């Protein structure tokens, strides 16, 4: 049935309905899966030998545009999915699978669901942004020692693990919005805008916009993940940041400018 589904006409049924399911080993992690994706069998197995990942369909569900679109627009609604994605990636890492190759297969599997008549170049850039974001989060979690047995249990449940290594040890690992939610609410559930950060660092972070945020905003706007209105408002409200960056690119530092003044 899965092979037949994989090769059928790739169109999302309209309207997309959802159903709640809970796998045998995910009893504490119930979430919705779009009906347009393959459903788990009675044993809760979603693997398929034609894909690099054992948990291919689980990851495809978590990264699926429909899954993200169904989430609440409130801040933090995508956090559980980000934690589960990293849990699945670590399971694949322990199996010795190539994470980048597997994620490319996952995003290629989801490509048929892309709408709005986007060009292949834009779709490819979208997939690359998502792959880089989820692999970066997995790398951060591994570097901070969050992938031990206790951390994996919390990730499986969609909860923040505890950092075990480095200067931020014993803090929780939170999900941060690179471009703050207050500046661009429409990016709340975009995986490319979500990044792991230690709890205290996340809480002390302001809603300010710097060069990294502006560069990411340009990229998200270019691949149509950020609307024209949102892009314009973000840049208009942070005009002074762009002005200072332009001056610094030309060799003018703030200290040098104060001395000359």
Protein backbone atom coordinates (compact mmCIF):
# COMPACT_ATOMS: atom_id res chain seq x y z
CA UNK A 1 0.00 0.00 0.00
CA UNK A 2 2.85 2.38 0.78
CA UNK A 3 4.52 1.73 -2.60
CA UNK A 4 1.23 2.35 -4.39
CA UNK A 5 0.69 5.55 -2.40
CA UNK A 6 4.20 6.78 -3.07
CA UNK A 7 3.71 6.55 -6.84
CA UNK A 8 0.17 7.88 -7.04
CA UNK A 9 -0.77 11.34 -8.31
CA UNK A 10 0.90 13.64 -5.80
CA UNK A 11 -1.80 16.08 -4.84
CA UNK A 12 -2.90 17.09 -1.35
CA UNK A 13 -6.57 16.19 -0.75
CA UNK A 14 -8.68 19.26 -0.12
CA UNK A 15 -9.67 19.87 2.55
CA UNK A 16 -6.94 18.17 4.54
CA UNK A 17 -8.35 16.25 7.48
CA UNK A 18 -6.39 15.03 10.46
CA UNK A 19 -6.58 12.20 12.91
CA UNK A 20 -4.94 11.73 16.27
CA UNK A 21 -2.79 8.68 16.79
CA UNK A 22 -0.45 7.35 19.42
CA UNK A 23 2.19 4.73 18.72
CA UNK A 24 2.97 1.98 21.20
CA UNK A 25 6.22 3.60 22.30
CA UNK A 26 4.88 7.17 21.97
CA UNK A 27 1.97 6.94 24.38
CA UNK A 28 2.93 10.24 26.00
CA UNK A 29 3.38 12.02 22.68
CA UNK A 30 0.06 12.20 20.88
CA UNK A 31 -0.07 14.53 17.94
CA UNK A 32 -1.84 14.91 14.64
CA UNK A 33 -0.73 13.46 11.34
CA UNK A 34 -2.15 14.73 8.03
CA UNK A 35 -4.33 12.12 6.35
CA UNK A 36 -2.41 12.73 3.12
CA UNK A 37 0.63 10.98 4.66
CA UNK A 38 0.98 7.20 5.17
CA UNK A 39 -0.52 6.09 8.46
CA UNK A 40 1.21 3.77 10.96
CA UNK A 41 0.25 0.12 10.94
CA UNK A 42 -0.99 -1.78 13.99
CA UNK A 43 2.56 -2.11 15.31
CA UNK A 44 3.12 1.64 14.95
CA UNK A 45 5.79 1.05 12.28
CA UNK A 46 6.33 3.78 9.70
CA UNK A 47 9.61 2.57 8.20
CA UNK A 48 10.09 1.59 4.57
CA UNK A 49 13.13 -0.20 3.07
CA UNK A 50 13.28 2.16 0.08
CA UNK A 51 14.23 5.15 2.29
CA UNK A 52 17.56 5.76 4.10
CA UNK A 53 15.87 6.42 7.47
CA UNK A 54 14.03 3.87 9.56
CA UNK A 55 11.87 6.72 10.88
CA UNK A 56 11.45 8.34 7.47
CA UNK A 57 7.67 8.84 7.66
CA UNK A 58 7.80 10.13 11.23
CA UNK A 59 10.28 12.83 10.19
CA UNK A 60 8.32 13.55 7.02
CA UNK A 61 5.27 14.17 9.21
CA UNK A 62 7.07 16.50 11.62
CA UNK A 63 8.57 18.54 8.74
CA UNK A 64 5.46 18.45 6.57
CA UNK A 65 4.03 21.87 5.57
CA UNK A 66 0.53 20.72 6.50
CA UNK A 67 1.64 19.65 9.98
CA UNK A 68 3.26 23.04 10.56
CA UNK A 69 0.28 24.90 9.12
CA UNK A 70 -2.10 23.12 11.53
CA UNK A 71 -0.16 24.32 14.56
CA UNK A 72 -1.40 27.18 16.67
CA UNK A 73 0.05 30.57 15.70
CA UNK A 74 0.93 31.15 19.35
CA UNK A 75 4.57 31.38 20.34
CA UNK A 76 6.16 28.03 21.14
CA UNK A 77 3.57 25.84 19.41
CA UNK A 78 6.24 24.24 17.20
CA UNK A 79 8.65 23.46 20.04
CA UNK A 80 7.43 19.91 20.66
CA UNK A 81 7.93 19.08 17.00
CA UNK A 82 11.49 20.47 17.05
CA UNK A 83 12.35 18.29 20.06
CA UNK A 84 10.88 15.18 18.41
CA UNK A 85 12.77 15.83 15.17
CA UNK A 86 16.06 15.88 17.08
CA UNK A 87 15.05 12.67 18.89
CA UNK A 88 14.40 10.90 15.58
CA UNK A 89 17.68 12.20 14.14
CA UNK A 90 19.64 10.87 17.11
CA UNK A 91 18.01 7.46 16.69
CA UNK A 92 19.13 7.47 13.06
CA UNK A 93 22.61 8.60 14.10
CA UNK A 94 22.86 5.67 16.48
CA UNK A 95 21.90 3.38 13.59
CA UNK A 96 24.87 4.74 11.65
CA UNK A 97 22.78 6.53 9.02
CA UNK A 98 23.91 9.64 7.16
CA UNK A 99 21.70 12.40 8.58
CA UNK A 100 22.10 14.83 5.70
CA UNK A 101 21.36 12.17 3.09
CA UNK A 102 18.36 10.94 5.07
CA UNK A 103 16.93 14.44 5.52
CA UNK A 104 17.30 15.12 1.80
CA UNK A 105 15.20 12.00 1.20
CA UNK A 106 12.62 13.20 3.74
CA UNK A 107 12.35 16.64 2.14
CA UNK A 108 12.25 15.14 -1.35
CA UNK A 109 9.37 12.93 -0.21
CA UNK A 110 7.49 16.03 1.02
CA UNK A 111 8.18 18.10 -2.10
CA UNK A 112 4.93 17.07 -3.82
CA UNK A 113 2.96 18.93 -1.15
CA UNK A 114 4.51 22.30 -2.06
CA UNK A 115 1.93 24.63 -3.52
CA UNK A 116 1.57 28.15 -4.92
CA UNK A 117 3.34 27.25 -8.20
CA UNK A 118 6.78 27.95 -6.78
CA UNK A 119 9.83 27.49 -8.98
CA UNK A 120 12.10 24.48 -8.51
CA UNK A 121 14.91 26.81 -7.41
CA UNK A 122 12.77 28.27 -4.61
CA UNK A 123 11.58 24.82 -3.50
CA UNK A 124 15.16 23.55 -3.40
CA UNK A 125 16.26 26.55 -1.30
CA UNK A 126 13.37 25.93 1.10
CA UNK A 127 14.40 22.32 1.56
CA UNK A 128 18.04 23.28 2.14
CA UNK A 129 17.05 25.84 4.80
CA UNK A 130 14.98 23.25 6.67
CA UNK A 131 17.68 20.58 6.47
CA UNK A 132 20.36 22.96 7.78
CA UNK A 133 18.10 24.08 10.63
CA UNK A 134 17.22 20.61 11.94
CA UNK A 135 20.78 19.32 11.58
CA UNK A 136 22.08 22.41 13.40
CA UNK A 137 19.70 21.74 16.30
CA UNK A 138 20.79 18.11 16.49
CA UNK A 139 24.44 19.21 16.54
CA UNK A 140 23.73 21.72 19.34
CA UNK A 141 21.92 19.11 21.44
CA UNK A 142 24.73 16.60 20.98
CA UNK A 143 27.46 19.17 21.78
CA UNK A 144 25.70 20.19 25.01
CA UNK A 145 25.29 16.62 26.19
CA UNK A 146 21.49 16.54 25.91
CA UNK A 147 21.28 13.17 24.15
CA UNK A 148 21.81 10.81 27.09
CA UNK A 149 19.03 8.42 28.17
CA UNK A 150 17.28 11.06 30.26
CA UNK A 151 17.53 13.68 27.52
CA UNK A 152 16.28 11.27 24.85
CA UNK A 153 13.25 10.42 26.97
CA UNK A 154 12.33 14.09 27.30
CA UNK A 155 12.92 14.75 23.60
CA UNK A 156 10.66 11.83 22.71
CA UNK A 157 7.93 13.41 24.84
CA UNK A 158 8.43 16.78 23.13
CA UNK A 159 9.96 18.36 26.23
CA UNK A 160 13.16 20.36 26.72
CA UNK A 161 16.17 18.26 27.85
CA UNK A 162 18.70 19.31 30.48
CA UNK A 163 22.15 20.45 29.36
CA UNK A 164 24.91 18.23 30.78
CA UNK A 165 28.06 19.76 29.27
CA UNK A 166 29.66 23.19 29.08
CA UNK A 167 29.14 26.44 31.01
CA UNK A 168 25.35 26.14 30.72
CA UNK A 169 25.14 22.74 32.43
CA UNK A 170 21.95 22.00 34.41
CA UNK A 171 19.94 24.50 32.37
CA UNK A 172 17.11 23.47 30.10
CA UNK A 173 17.64 23.56 26.34
CA UNK A 174 14.94 25.83 24.93
CA UNK A 175 13.77 26.61 21.41
CA UNK A 176 14.55 30.18 20.37
CA UNK A 177 13.17 32.22 17.48
CA UNK A 178 16.12 33.60 15.53
CA UNK A 179 13.90 36.38 14.22
CA UNK A 180 11.89 37.23 17.38
CA UNK A 181 8.21 36.33 17.49
CA UNK A 182 7.35 39.95 18.29
CA UNK A 183 9.00 41.12 15.06
CA UNK A 184 7.62 38.45 12.70
CA UNK A 185 4.78 36.32 14.17
CA UNK A 186 4.27 34.58 10.82
CA UNK A 187 7.64 32.82 11.26
CA UNK A 188 6.54 31.25 14.54
CA UNK A 189 6.28 27.72 13.10
CA UNK A 190 8.98 27.88 10.44
CA UNK A 191 11.69 25.31 11.23
CA UNK A 192 14.32 27.51 9.54
CA UNK A 193 13.67 30.17 12.20
CA UNK A 194 13.90 27.87 15.25
CA UNK A 195 17.16 27.16 17.05
CA UNK A 196 18.17 25.55 20.35
CA UNK A 197 19.50 27.89 23.04
CA UNK A 198 20.23 27.49 26.78
CA UNK A 199 17.42 28.70 29.04
CA UNK A 200 19.15 31.69 30.67
CA UNK A 201 20.63 32.88 27.41
CA UNK A 202 17.23 32.63 25.75
CA UNK A 203 15.49 34.58 28.52
CA UNK A 204 18.15 37.31 28.53
CA UNK A 205 17.98 37.69 24.76
CA UNK A 206 16.16 40.82 23.67
CA UNK A 207 13.81 41.20 20.74
CA UNK A 208 16.43 43.25 18.94
CA UNK A 209 17.35 42.67 15.33
CA UNK A 210 20.95 42.28 14.21
CA UNK A 211 22.78 41.37 11.03
CA UNK A 212 22.03 37.66 11.38
CA UNK A 213 18.30 38.28 11.74
CA UNK A 214 18.23 40.67 8.78
CA UNK A 215 20.18 38.25 6.58
CA UNK A 216 17.80 35.42 7.51
CA UNK A 217 14.80 37.67 6.82
CA UNK A 218 16.12 38.38 3.32
CA UNK A 219 16.56 34.65 2.69
CA UNK A 220 13.11 33.74 4.00
CA UNK A 221 11.54 36.49 1.93
CA UNK A 222 13.38 35.31 -1.17
CA UNK A 223 11.98 31.77 -0.79
CA UNK A 224 8.51 33.16 0.05
CA UNK A 225 8.42 31.96 3.66
CA UNK A 226 8.18 35.59 4.81
CA UNK A 227 5.49 37.78 3.27
CA UNK A 228 6.21 41.09 1.60
CA UNK A 229 4.31 42.90 4.35
CA UNK A 230 6.22 41.14 7.12
CA UNK A 231 9.52 41.76 5.36
CA UNK A 232 8.77 45.47 4.90
CA UNK A 233 7.66 45.95 8.50
CA UNK A 234 10.74 44.18 9.83
CA UNK A 235 13.14 46.38 7.85
CA UNK A 236 11.27 49.62 8.43
CA UNK A 237 11.20 49.06 12.20
CA UNK A 238 14.95 48.33 12.23
CA UNK A 239 16.18 51.04 9.87
CA UNK A 240 18.92 52.15 12.29
CA UNK A 241 20.41 48.63 12.35
CA UNK A 242 20.68 48.55 8.58
CA UNK A 243 22.17 52.05 8.51
CA UNK A 244 24.85 51.16 11.07
CA UNK A 245 25.64 47.90 9.27
CA UNK A 246 26.09 49.75 5.98
CA UNK A 247 28.51 52.19 7.63
CA UNK A 248 30.48 49.37 9.27
CA UNK A 249 30.72 47.56 5.91
CA UNK A 250 32.42 50.69 4.57
CA UNK A 251 34.99 50.67 7.38
CA UNK A 252 33.37 53.03 9.87
CA UNK A 253 33.31 51.64 13.41
CA UNK A 254 31.11 53.17 16.15
CA UNK A 255 34.17 54.09 18.27
CA UNK A 256 35.90 55.74 15.32
CA UNK A 257 32.76 57.70 14.47
CA UNK A 258 32.46 58.98 18.08
CA UNK A 259 36.09 60.15 18.09
CA UNK A 260 35.68 61.97 14.78
CA UNK A 261 32.49 63.58 16.03
